[in-house]
Protein backbone atom coordinates (compact mmCIF):
# COMPACT_ATOMS: atom_id res chain seq x y z
CA UNK A 1 -420.61 -67.04 30.69
CA UNK A 2 -418.94 -70.43 30.51
CA UNK A 3 -418.52 -70.06 26.75
CA UNK A 4 -416.78 -66.70 27.18
CA UNK A 5 -414.48 -68.14 29.83
CA UNK A 6 -413.65 -71.14 27.65
CA UNK A 7 -412.95 -68.80 24.72
CA UNK A 8 -410.57 -66.68 26.82
CA UNK A 9 -408.75 -69.80 28.04
CA UNK A 10 -408.29 -71.04 24.46
CA UNK A 11 -406.99 -67.64 23.36
CA UNK A 12 -404.53 -67.54 26.30
CA UNK A 13 -403.25 -71.05 25.59
CA UNK A 14 -402.80 -70.23 21.91
CA UNK A 15 -400.97 -67.00 22.72
CA UNK A 16 -398.71 -68.78 25.21
CA UNK A 17 -397.85 -71.44 22.65
CA UNK A 18 -396.96 -68.78 20.07
CA UNK A 19 -394.63 -67.07 22.56
CA UNK A 20 -393.02 -70.40 23.45
CA UNK A 21 -392.46 -71.19 19.78
CA UNK A 22 -390.95 -67.76 19.20
CA UNK A 23 -388.61 -68.14 22.17
CA UNK A 24 -387.63 -71.62 21.04
CA UNK A 25 -386.83 -70.26 17.59
CA UNK A 26 -384.82 -67.39 19.06
CA UNK A 27 -382.80 -69.60 21.41
CA UNK A 28 -382.14 -72.45 19.01
CA UNK A 29 -378.63 -73.74 18.32
CA UNK A 30 -378.03 -71.67 15.19
CA UNK A 31 -379.11 -68.33 16.66
CA UNK A 32 -377.38 -68.97 19.97
CA UNK A 33 -374.14 -69.75 18.12
CA UNK A 34 -374.34 -66.50 16.19
CA UNK A 35 -375.09 -64.45 19.29
CA UNK A 36 -372.29 -66.12 21.27
CA UNK A 37 -369.83 -65.39 18.45
CA UNK A 38 -370.96 -61.75 18.39
CA UNK A 39 -370.40 -61.41 22.15
CA UNK A 40 -367.00 -63.09 21.95
CA UNK A 41 -365.81 -60.94 19.04
CA UNK A 42 -366.82 -57.81 20.96
CA UNK A 43 -364.87 -59.01 24.02
CA UNK A 44 -367.95 -59.39 26.22
CA UNK A 45 -366.49 -62.55 27.66
CA UNK A 46 -368.71 -62.80 30.73
CA UNK A 47 -371.79 -62.84 28.48
CA UNK A 48 -370.22 -65.02 25.79
CA UNK A 49 -369.41 -67.62 28.44
CA UNK A 50 -373.08 -67.84 29.40
CA UNK A 51 -374.17 -68.08 25.77
CA UNK A 52 -371.56 -70.69 24.87
CA UNK A 53 -372.70 -72.77 27.83
CA UNK A 54 -376.10 -72.92 26.10
CA UNK A 55 -374.56 -73.72 22.71
CA UNK A 56 -372.50 -76.59 24.11
CA UNK A 57 -375.58 -77.91 25.90
CA UNK A 58 -377.57 -77.80 22.66
CA UNK A 59 -374.78 -79.33 20.58
CA UNK A 60 -372.20 -81.28 22.67
CA UNK A 61 -370.14 -82.08 19.55
CA UNK A 62 -369.44 -78.45 18.65
CA UNK A 63 -365.71 -78.32 19.34
CA UNK A 64 -365.42 -74.65 18.33
CA UNK A 65 -368.07 -73.69 20.88
CA UNK A 66 -366.19 -75.64 23.52
CA UNK A 67 -362.99 -73.82 22.63
CA UNK A 68 -364.70 -70.43 22.75
CA UNK A 69 -366.29 -71.32 26.09
CA UNK A 70 -362.88 -72.14 27.56
CA UNK A 71 -361.35 -69.01 26.06
CA UNK A 72 -364.18 -66.84 27.39
CA UNK A 73 -363.46 -67.97 30.93
CA UNK A 74 -359.71 -67.57 30.44
CA UNK A 75 -360.03 -64.09 28.97
CA UNK A 76 -362.25 -62.97 31.84
CA UNK A 77 -359.48 -64.31 34.09
CA UNK A 78 -361.55 -67.12 35.57
CA UNK A 79 -358.69 -69.55 35.06
CA UNK A 80 -359.97 -72.15 37.51
CA UNK A 81 -363.24 -72.56 35.59
CA UNK A 82 -361.42 -72.49 32.24
CA UNK A 83 -359.17 -75.36 33.34
CA UNK A 84 -362.10 -77.30 34.78
CA UNK A 85 -364.02 -76.94 31.51
CA UNK A 86 -361.03 -78.04 29.46
CA UNK A 87 -360.40 -81.06 31.67
CA UNK A 88 -364.09 -81.93 31.46
CA UNK A 89 -364.02 -81.83 27.66
CA UNK A 90 -360.93 -84.05 27.40
CA UNK A 91 -363.06 -87.17 27.85
CA UNK A 92 -365.08 -86.14 24.82
CA UNK A 93 -361.91 -86.37 22.74
CA UNK A 94 -360.92 -89.83 23.99
CA UNK A 95 -358.39 -88.34 26.39
CA UNK A 96 -356.46 -86.84 23.50
CA UNK A 97 -356.07 -83.09 23.13
CA UNK A 98 -355.74 -81.80 19.60
CA UNK A 99 -353.25 -79.02 18.91
CA UNK A 100 -355.73 -76.17 19.52
CA UNK A 101 -356.93 -77.48 22.87
CA UNK A 102 -353.36 -78.33 23.86
CA UNK A 103 -352.33 -74.75 23.11
CA UNK A 104 -355.25 -73.45 25.18
CA UNK A 105 -354.19 -75.66 28.08
CA UNK A 106 -350.70 -74.17 27.93
CA UNK A 107 -352.12 -70.64 27.92
CA UNK A 108 -354.26 -71.35 30.98
CA UNK A 109 -351.33 -72.80 32.91
CA UNK A 110 -349.12 -69.89 31.86
CA UNK A 111 -351.67 -67.21 32.77
CA UNK A 112 -352.19 -68.95 36.12
CA UNK A 113 -348.42 -68.69 36.72
CA UNK A 114 -348.14 -72.47 36.98
CA UNK A 115 -344.87 -72.41 35.11
CA UNK A 116 -343.63 -75.79 36.33
CA UNK A 117 -346.86 -77.47 35.16
CA UNK A 118 -346.59 -75.55 31.91
CA UNK A 119 -343.04 -76.84 31.36
CA UNK A 120 -344.08 -80.42 32.11
CA UNK A 121 -347.05 -80.31 29.74
CA UNK A 122 -344.91 -78.92 26.93
CA UNK A 123 -342.32 -81.64 27.52
CA UNK A 124 -344.83 -84.50 27.40
CA UNK A 125 -347.45 -83.34 24.88
CA UNK A 126 -346.98 -84.42 21.27
CA UNK A 127 -349.81 -82.51 19.60
CA UNK A 128 -348.68 -78.92 20.27
CA UNK A 129 -347.60 -76.87 17.30
CA UNK A 130 -343.77 -76.69 17.47
CA UNK A 131 -343.74 -72.88 17.26
CA UNK A 132 -346.33 -72.50 20.02
CA UNK A 133 -344.49 -75.04 22.14
CA UNK A 134 -341.19 -73.18 21.82
CA UNK A 135 -342.77 -69.77 22.41
CA UNK A 136 -344.39 -70.82 25.67
CA UNK A 137 -341.36 -72.80 26.78
CA UNK A 138 -339.18 -69.72 26.34
CA UNK A 139 -341.81 -67.45 27.93
CA UNK A 140 -342.10 -69.76 30.93
CA UNK A 141 -338.34 -69.67 31.45
CA UNK A 142 -338.38 -65.87 31.17
CA UNK A 143 -341.11 -65.54 33.79
CA UNK A 144 -338.94 -67.60 36.12
CA UNK A 145 -336.01 -65.27 35.32
CA UNK A 146 -333.98 -68.16 33.94
CA UNK A 147 -332.36 -65.92 31.37
CA UNK A 148 -329.54 -68.17 30.17
CA UNK A 149 -331.84 -71.16 29.58
CA UNK A 150 -334.41 -69.01 27.77
CA UNK A 151 -331.72 -67.49 25.60
CA UNK A 152 -330.15 -70.83 24.68
CA UNK A 153 -333.50 -72.51 24.03
CA UNK A 154 -334.87 -69.78 21.77
CA UNK A 155 -331.56 -69.22 19.99
CA UNK A 156 -331.26 -72.86 18.93
CA UNK A 157 -334.83 -72.92 17.60
CA UNK A 158 -334.44 -69.62 15.75
CA UNK A 159 -331.53 -71.09 13.83
CA UNK A 160 -334.08 -73.43 12.23
CA UNK A 161 -337.06 -71.05 12.11
CA UNK A 162 -335.92 -67.47 11.68
CA UNK A 163 -339.38 -66.16 10.70
CA UNK A 164 -340.90 -66.72 14.15
CA UNK A 165 -341.39 -63.07 15.17
CA UNK A 166 -342.81 -63.85 18.60
CA UNK A 167 -339.88 -66.05 19.51
CA UNK A 168 -337.47 -63.44 18.17
CA UNK A 169 -338.95 -60.86 20.53
CA UNK A 170 -338.76 -63.29 23.44
CA UNK A 171 -335.14 -63.96 22.56
CA UNK A 172 -334.43 -60.23 22.73
CA UNK A 173 -335.92 -60.16 26.23
CA UNK A 174 -333.69 -63.06 27.27
CA UNK A 175 -330.68 -61.08 26.08
CA UNK A 176 -331.75 -58.07 28.14
CA UNK A 177 -332.28 -60.29 31.17
CA UNK A 178 -328.87 -61.89 30.74
CA UNK A 179 -327.23 -58.46 30.83
CA UNK A 180 -328.92 -57.23 34.02
CA UNK A 181 -326.38 -55.92 36.52
CA UNK A 182 -327.84 -57.15 39.79
CA UNK A 183 -327.07 -55.45 43.09
CA UNK A 184 -325.59 -57.58 45.87
CA UNK A 185 -327.71 -57.19 49.04
CA UNK A 186 -324.78 -58.04 51.30
CA UNK A 187 -322.56 -55.51 49.57
CA UNK A 188 -325.28 -52.87 50.00
CA UNK A 189 -325.45 -53.66 53.73
CA UNK A 190 -321.65 -53.46 54.11
CA UNK A 191 -321.48 -50.16 52.26
CA UNK A 192 -324.09 -48.64 54.58
CA UNK A 193 -322.28 -50.10 57.56
CA UNK A 194 -319.15 -48.17 56.58
CA UNK A 195 -320.79 -44.98 55.32
CA UNK A 196 -324.47 -44.61 56.28
CA UNK A 197 -326.70 -44.28 53.23
CA UNK A 198 -324.10 -45.46 50.73
CA UNK A 199 -325.89 -48.79 50.32
CA UNK A 200 -328.96 -46.88 49.20
CA UNK A 201 -326.82 -44.88 46.77
CA UNK A 202 -325.53 -48.22 45.45
CA UNK A 203 -329.12 -49.26 44.66
CA UNK A 204 -329.92 -45.84 43.15
CA UNK A 205 -332.17 -44.78 46.02
CA UNK A 206 -330.62 -41.33 46.20
CA UNK A 207 -333.16 -39.59 48.44
CA UNK A 208 -333.33 -42.47 50.92
CA UNK A 209 -329.55 -42.65 50.99
CA UNK A 210 -329.21 -38.92 51.67
CA UNK A 211 -331.86 -39.09 54.39
CA UNK A 212 -330.11 -42.04 56.08
CA UNK A 213 -326.74 -40.26 55.93
CA UNK A 214 -328.08 -37.02 57.41
CA UNK A 215 -330.13 -38.76 60.12
CA UNK A 216 -327.30 -40.99 61.37
CA UNK A 217 -324.76 -38.17 61.13
CA UNK A 218 -326.98 -35.66 62.94
CA UNK A 219 -327.88 -37.92 65.87
CA UNK A 220 -324.33 -39.21 66.14
CA UNK A 221 -323.12 -35.63 66.39
CA UNK A 222 -325.77 -34.80 69.02
CA UNK A 223 -324.72 -37.84 71.02
CA UNK A 224 -321.07 -36.83 70.89
CA UNK A 225 -321.79 -33.21 71.86
CA UNK A 226 -324.05 -34.23 74.71
CA UNK A 227 -321.51 -36.60 76.28
CA UNK A 228 -318.61 -34.24 75.56
CA UNK A 229 -320.37 -31.30 77.19
CA UNK A 230 -322.23 -32.91 80.12
CA UNK A 231 -320.59 -36.31 80.52
CA UNK A 232 -322.88 -39.26 81.02
CA UNK A 233 -326.41 -37.91 80.89
CA UNK A 234 -329.90 -39.09 79.84
CA UNK A 235 -330.00 -36.92 76.71
CA UNK A 236 -326.79 -38.41 75.46
CA UNK A 237 -328.17 -41.92 75.87
CA UNK A 238 -331.41 -40.94 74.12
CA UNK A 239 -329.54 -39.41 71.19
CA UNK A 240 -327.25 -42.44 71.09
CA UNK A 241 -330.17 -44.88 71.04
CA UNK A 242 -331.86 -42.98 68.22
CA UNK A 243 -328.58 -42.80 66.32
CA UNK A 244 -328.01 -46.55 66.71
CA UNK A 245 -331.59 -47.27 65.58
CA UNK A 246 -331.12 -45.18 62.43
CA UNK A 247 -327.73 -46.79 61.81
CA UNK A 248 -328.99 -50.40 62.05
CA UNK A 249 -332.18 -49.69 60.09
CA UNK A 250 -330.04 -48.00 57.43
CA UNK A 251 -328.00 -51.21 57.08
CA UNK A 252 -331.06 -53.49 56.94
CA UNK A 253 -332.86 -51.04 54.64
CA UNK A 254 -329.95 -51.11 52.20
CA UNK A 255 -330.05 -54.90 52.15
CA UNK A 256 -333.79 -54.84 51.37
CA UNK A 257 -333.30 -52.05 48.83
CA UNK A 258 -330.94 -54.24 46.80
CA UNK A 259 -333.49 -57.06 46.79
CA UNK A 260 -336.23 -54.68 45.66
CA UNK A 261 -333.94 -53.28 42.96
CA UNK A 262 -333.27 -56.75 41.56
CA UNK A 263 -336.94 -57.74 41.70
CA UNK A 264 -338.00 -54.56 39.93
CA UNK A 265 -335.43 -55.10 37.18
CA UNK A 266 -336.72 -58.64 36.67
CA UNK A 267 -340.37 -57.56 36.59
CA UNK A 268 -339.70 -54.70 34.18
CA UNK A 269 -337.77 -57.01 31.87
CA UNK A 270 -340.62 -59.52 31.50
CA UNK A 271 -343.53 -57.04 31.55
CA UNK A 272 -344.14 -57.46 27.78
CA UNK A 273 -343.90 -61.25 27.62
CA UNK A 274 -347.64 -61.95 27.91
CA UNK A 275 -348.47 -59.22 25.40
CA UNK A 276 -346.05 -60.77 22.88
CA UNK A 277 -347.72 -64.15 23.23
CA UNK A 278 -351.13 -62.60 22.53
CA UNK A 279 -350.05 -60.74 19.37
């Protein structure tokens, strides 16, 4: 009985060792690198991040794996982790980012809408590729709706490098932004103060403008008829209060409508900026 038990224990230990060796072979550095690359190429960034964590652990000097790990987090929109990983890897490069890691840092800051930090990094870093630097500098200015600066910056660089297609497209956006005919919120409010609803017409909100005009006109007429017919009476005051409420809200609404109009024009103008940078 003891011999049979000992035999079973030996078989179990041998089988366990074989499984462990097989797993070790499967999860070694070479195979993990291949699998991580496959996941990344197929845009399974949440899984590629996990796999690249293993690859970097197995081989801390694999700079490509580190880059792909950072990119995986960025592309799955975990920008905080992407930045933390990048900052953690900086020490491994003697506090000096090469051009690829510098470009990735710019992309993270840009995607995180940290445009001021993005501008500062571009201004102080000396390893960024000049084309990448100018593209993101122009894009950052565009996202801040600083049309004139973006136009001037990209135009001057394009005079030296006319084959930069990305920058050319960004320059075209800066031209569109520079030609936007913004609506003045105060003018919209004044227009609606004179003729109810006209401020909404000014901002191309035709239905809202018509509604405001009809509402103020109707209740103003009811107020007038009520006082004209019955003198001072509760209904007249009620109609008058409602009319005044519509009138004042029509003025404030026109002011807000102009602000919304301008914001929408800005947002629509820059909606393709990120896509251009990723081409």
